[in-house]
Protein backbone atom coordinates (compact mmCIF):
# COMPACT_ATOMS: atom_id res chain seq x y z
CA MET A 1 15.06 10.37 4.46
CA GLN A 2 13.83 10.33 8.30
CA LEU A 3 11.06 12.76 10.02
CA LYS A 4 11.62 12.50 12.81
CA ALA A 5 8.20 13.63 16.05
CA LYS A 6 5.81 13.04 13.45
CA ALA A 7 3.00 13.99 16.01
CA LEU A 8 4.34 16.88 16.63
CA ALA A 9 6.15 17.75 12.65
CA ARG A 10 2.75 17.47 10.98
CA PRO A 11 0.78 20.34 11.88
CA LEU A 12 3.45 22.83 12.50
CA LEU A 13 4.95 22.23 8.72
CA ALA A 14 1.34 22.58 7.64
CA ALA A 15 0.33 25.68 9.07
CA ALA A 16 3.38 26.80 8.27
CA ILE A 17 3.64 26.04 3.93
CA ASN A 18 -0.10 27.27 4.06
CA ARG A 19 0.56 30.23 5.65
CA ASP A 20 3.46 31.05 3.45
CA TRP A 21 5.87 31.37 6.26
CA HIS A 22 8.43 29.83 3.49
CA ASP A 23 11.79 30.51 5.50
CA VAL A 24 10.18 29.16 8.80
CA ALA A 25 9.22 25.61 6.64
CA ARG A 26 12.47 25.89 5.80
CA LYS A 27 13.88 25.55 9.04
CA LEU A 28 11.07 23.37 10.36
CA VAL A 29 12.52 20.67 7.09
CA SER A 30 16.14 20.98 8.44
CA HIS A 31 15.08 19.83 11.72
CA PHE A 32 12.59 17.32 11.46
CA TYR A 33 14.15 15.60 8.51
CA ARG A 34 17.23 14.13 8.34
CA PHE A 35 18.68 13.93 4.50
CA SER A 36 21.02 14.89 2.09
CA LEU A 37 21.57 16.06 -1.99
CA PRO A 38 24.20 15.38 -4.29
CA ALA A 39 25.49 17.83 -6.03
CA GLY A 40 23.85 19.73 -8.89
CA ALA A 41 21.00 21.45 -9.76
CA PHE A 42 17.49 19.52 -10.13
CA ASP A 43 14.74 19.70 -12.25
CA LEU A 44 11.77 17.64 -10.58
CA VAL A 45 11.43 16.74 -6.80
CA VAL A 46 8.81 13.86 -7.18
CA SER A 47 8.07 11.46 -3.76
CA ALA A 48 5.30 9.47 -2.32
CA GLY A 49 3.17 9.54 0.83
CA GLY A 50 2.13 11.67 3.51
CA ASP A 51 5.76 11.76 5.41
CA THR A 52 7.44 12.93 2.07
CA ALA A 53 4.82 15.80 1.51
CA PHE A 54 6.44 18.31 3.29
CA LEU A 55 9.63 17.56 1.97
CA ASN A 56 8.32 18.00 -1.29
CA ILE A 57 7.21 21.45 -1.42
CA VAL A 58 10.09 23.26 0.46
CA LEU A 59 13.14 21.00 -1.54
CA ALA A 60 10.94 22.04 -4.81
CA GLN A 61 10.73 26.16 -3.64
CA GLN A 62 14.51 25.87 -2.16
CA LEU A 63 16.07 24.12 -5.57
CA ASP A 64 13.35 25.92 -7.48
CA ALA A 65 12.68 22.74 -8.97
CA LYS A 66 8.90 21.70 -9.49
CA GLY A 67 7.40 19.34 -7.69
CA ILE A 68 5.33 15.93 -7.69
CA PHE A 69 3.59 14.47 -5.15
CA ILE A 70 1.38 11.24 -5.35
CA GLY A 71 -0.20 10.98 -2.30
CA SER A 72 -3.52 12.89 -0.66
CA PRO A 73 -2.62 16.81 0.39
CA ARG A 74 -4.41 15.65 3.64
CA ARG A 75 -3.29 18.97 6.59
CA ILE A 76 -2.24 21.34 2.77
CA GLN A 77 -3.77 22.97 1.02
CA PRO A 78 -3.60 21.41 -2.73
CA LYS A 79 -2.67 24.26 -4.65
CA LYS A 80 0.71 24.48 -2.18
CA PHE A 81 1.92 21.69 -4.54
CA GLY A 82 3.69 21.57 -7.78
CA TRP A 83 1.63 18.75 -9.38
CA LEU A 84 -0.72 16.79 -7.28
CA LEU A 85 -1.44 13.57 -8.42
CA THR A 86 -4.40 11.46 -6.77
CA LEU A 87 -7.18 9.17 -6.88
CA GLU A 88 -9.05 11.31 -5.92
CA SER A 89 -10.02 15.11 -7.09
CA TYR A 90 -9.53 18.46 -5.19
CA GLY A 91 -10.22 20.56 -7.83
CA THR A 92 -7.46 22.32 -8.09
CA ASP A 93 -5.35 23.02 -11.89
CA ASN A 94 -2.68 21.24 -10.88
CA ASN A 95 -4.54 18.02 -9.30
CA ILE A 96 -4.04 15.32 -12.09
CA VAL A 97 -6.35 12.29 -11.26
CA MET A 98 -5.38 8.85 -11.82
CA PRO A 99 -7.26 5.95 -12.57
CA LEU A 100 -4.73 3.56 -10.02
CA ALA A 101 -1.92 5.04 -7.83
CA PRO A 102 1.13 4.28 -9.14
CA VAL A 103 3.23 1.37 -7.39
CA ALA A 104 6.52 -0.20 -7.13
CA ILE A 105 6.06 -2.90 -9.70
CA ASP A 106 7.36 -4.20 -12.82
CA PRO A 107 5.64 -6.61 -14.85
CA HIS A 108 8.74 -8.83 -16.39
CA VAL A 109 10.04 -8.30 -12.55
CA MET A 110 6.87 -9.65 -11.12
CA GLU A 111 5.70 -13.17 -13.82
CA GLN A 112 10.21 -14.38 -13.35
CA ALA A 113 9.23 -14.03 -9.55
CA GLY A 114 6.48 -16.24 -10.02
CA GLN A 115 7.95 -18.33 -12.25
CA GLN A 116 10.94 -18.83 -9.67
CA LEU A 117 8.49 -19.26 -6.57
CA ARG A 118 6.67 -22.05 -8.92
CA GLN A 119 9.60 -23.63 -9.79
CA SER A 120 11.18 -24.00 -5.87
CA LEU A 121 7.86 -24.70 -4.88
CA ARG A 122 7.74 -27.37 -7.55
CA ILE A 123 4.28 -27.25 -8.39
CA GLY A 124 4.04 -26.74 -12.51
CA GLU A 125 0.87 -25.18 -14.25
CA GLN A 126 -1.18 -25.74 -10.65
CA ARG A 127 -3.54 -23.31 -10.97
CA LEU A 128 -2.75 -20.71 -7.88
CA LEU A 129 -4.49 -18.09 -5.64
CA ALA A 130 -2.67 -15.39 -4.19
CA VAL A 131 -4.90 -14.05 -0.51
CA LEU A 132 -3.53 -10.63 0.29
CA ILE A 133 -4.69 -10.16 4.18
CA GLY A 134 -4.70 -7.17 5.95
CA GLY A 135 -6.37 -6.35 9.49
CA ASP A 136 -8.13 -3.27 11.28
CA GLY A 137 -7.93 -0.31 9.11
CA ALA A 138 -8.72 1.91 6.93
CA GLY A 139 -13.10 2.01 8.73
CA TYR A 140 -12.93 -1.91 8.81
CA THR A 141 -12.87 -3.97 11.65
CA PHE A 142 -12.05 -7.59 11.49
CA ALA A 143 -13.84 -9.93 15.01
CA ASN A 144 -12.31 -13.39 15.71
CA ALA A 145 -15.47 -14.15 13.23
CA ASP A 146 -14.47 -12.38 9.89
CA TRP A 147 -11.45 -14.58 10.35
CA ARG A 148 -13.39 -17.39 10.13
CA ALA A 149 -15.09 -16.88 7.14
CA LEU A 150 -12.32 -15.92 5.49
CA ALA A 151 -10.54 -19.58 6.05
CA HIS A 152 -13.84 -20.85 5.50
CA ALA A 153 -14.04 -18.35 2.26
CA ILE A 154 -10.24 -19.91 0.76
CA ASN A 155 -10.97 -23.12 1.48
CA ALA A 156 -14.35 -23.04 -0.76
CA LEU A 157 -12.97 -21.09 -3.78
CA ALA A 158 -9.42 -23.26 -3.60
CA GLU A 159 -11.48 -26.18 -3.77
CA ALA A 160 -13.87 -24.41 -6.49
CA ARG A 161 -11.18 -23.87 -8.56
CA GLN A 162 -9.20 -26.62 -8.32
CA ALA A 163 -6.47 -24.29 -7.11
CA ARG A 164 -3.69 -24.31 -4.05
CA VAL A 165 -3.34 -21.14 -1.93
CA LEU A 166 -0.29 -18.56 -1.89
CA LEU A 167 -1.38 -16.43 1.42
CA THR A 168 0.17 -13.67 3.31
CA THR A 169 -0.99 -11.87 6.08
CA SER A 170 0.45 -7.93 7.22
CA ARG A 171 2.17 -6.00 10.14
CA ARG A 172 -1.30 -5.14 11.04
CA THR A 173 -3.03 -8.91 11.53
CA GLY A 174 -1.56 -9.83 14.48
CA GLU A 175 -1.11 -13.18 16.30
CA GLN A 176 -4.61 -13.93 17.51
CA ALA A 177 -6.31 -13.15 13.93
CA GLU A 178 -2.87 -15.78 12.41
CA THR A 179 -3.98 -18.33 14.96
CA ILE A 180 -7.56 -18.11 13.93
CA LEU A 181 -6.57 -18.45 9.64
CA GLN A 182 -3.78 -20.78 10.16
CA ALA A 183 -6.54 -23.01 12.37
CA GLU A 184 -9.68 -23.10 9.81
CA LEU A 185 -7.75 -22.98 6.31
CA ASN A 186 -7.79 -26.63 5.38
CA ALA A 187 -3.58 -27.28 5.28
CA ASN A 188 -3.49 -29.31 2.03
CA CYS A 189 -4.76 -26.38 0.02
CA LEU A 190 -1.44 -23.87 0.77
CA ALA A 191 1.49 -23.71 -0.95
CA ASP A 192 2.95 -21.38 0.51
CA ALA A 193 2.16 -19.04 3.65
CA VAL A 194 3.54 -16.11 5.24
CA TRP A 195 2.89 -15.73 9.30
CA TYR A 196 4.07 -12.08 9.57
CA ALA A 197 4.03 -11.84 13.18
CA ARG A 198 6.05 -14.73 13.46
CA GLU A 199 8.46 -14.13 9.99
CA PRO A 200 7.81 -11.96 8.15
CA ARG A 201 9.17 -12.51 4.29
CA LYS A 202 8.88 -10.11 1.31
CA ILE A 203 7.62 -12.19 -1.20
CA MET A 204 4.69 -9.95 -2.97
CA SER A 205 6.44 -9.55 -6.05
CA ALA A 206 6.93 -13.58 -5.94
CA PHE A 207 3.00 -14.52 -5.11
CA LEU A 208 1.69 -11.98 -7.29
CA GLY A 209 3.55 -13.19 -10.42
CA ALA A 210 2.92 -17.25 -9.42
CA ALA A 211 -1.06 -16.63 -8.97
CA ASP A 212 -3.43 -16.79 -11.42
CA ALA A 213 -6.30 -15.29 -9.36
CA ILE A 214 -6.18 -13.00 -6.18
CA VAL A 215 -7.63 -12.33 -3.31
CA VAL A 216 -7.23 -9.21 -1.19
CA THR A 217 -8.93 -7.89 2.05
CA ALA A 218 -10.70 -4.77 1.39
CA ASP A 219 -8.66 -2.11 4.40
CA SER A 220 -4.64 -1.48 2.48
CA MET A 221 -5.46 0.44 -0.37
CA SER A 222 -1.87 -0.72 -1.18
CA MET A 223 -2.62 -4.30 -1.50
CA ILE A 224 -5.33 -3.83 -3.86
CA THR A 225 -3.69 -1.58 -6.16
CA GLU A 226 -0.77 -3.88 -6.19
CA ALA A 227 -3.29 -7.17 -6.88
CA ILE A 228 -4.84 -4.90 -9.42
CA HIS A 229 -1.89 -3.81 -11.63
CA ALA A 230 -0.56 -8.13 -11.37
CA ARG A 231 -3.42 -7.71 -14.35
CA LYS A 232 -5.14 -10.50 -12.78
CA PRO A 233 -8.29 -11.47 -11.58
CA VAL A 234 -9.49 -9.79 -7.87
CA TRP A 235 -11.88 -10.73 -5.62
CA VAL A 236 -11.29 -7.53 -2.50
CA VAL A 237 -12.83 -8.77 1.09
CA GLU A 238 -15.04 -6.74 3.25
CA PRO A 239 -15.28 -7.85 7.62
CA GLN A 240 -19.13 -7.28 8.71
CA SER A 241 -17.92 -4.17 10.12
CA SER A 242 -17.18 -1.68 7.42
CA ARG A 243 -17.13 2.28 7.45
CA PRO A 244 -14.49 3.44 5.28
CA ASP A 245 -14.81 6.88 4.82
CA VAL A 246 -16.08 8.79 1.53
CA ARG A 247 -13.19 9.46 0.23
CA TYR A 248 -11.09 5.51 0.70
CA ARG A 249 -14.85 4.60 -0.53
CA GLN A 250 -14.41 7.05 -3.94
CA ALA A 251 -11.11 5.42 -4.47
């Protein structure tokens, strides 16, 4: 599935759905999305993430199925969904409020990946601290001083816990922040590191499975949620400039 021309598509699709212009909404979906469906009847249309919200509603109507959408309704009126699963309440009968967002993590697979990582790193039962680093977003802004402070805090925590560190940056971290972190982190405490801007690797499941505790930056709700689902102690850290909106704070 692909949604093209996002800046144009979203307000047009939301307007058509909110006004119950079903034919218009179907035509817009066929124009903006590229997808195919297998043959047969359908009982449920389940999706997550903003780009799928419009398709969820239109397909549920078209297929005479129940729609289940996981995520914020944003521009769409909440009542237009079949079932709307969110972290905050929208006050409609179809809204199910969850304590945590569901994530694509299988605990068994995660633990298995963690054991394999420990074996490949040859660190046995050494305590491990997973550090998940995001970047600017959701009302959080990281200055160079914040990256230095974070590196120093990681060094101190690893020393206090007699642990080594599994660290990964992300798409939003950026090369400048990575350079600061590399300069300030104690290289001896790093068991493994992924510098996403230079050499990305998909290792989240293995890091979470191997870790005894987790540090995650506050800007990424998805990383925080994945960390909590790992069922390990979690620290969430904020930069000095922290101005998330009310909805984010409530979640």
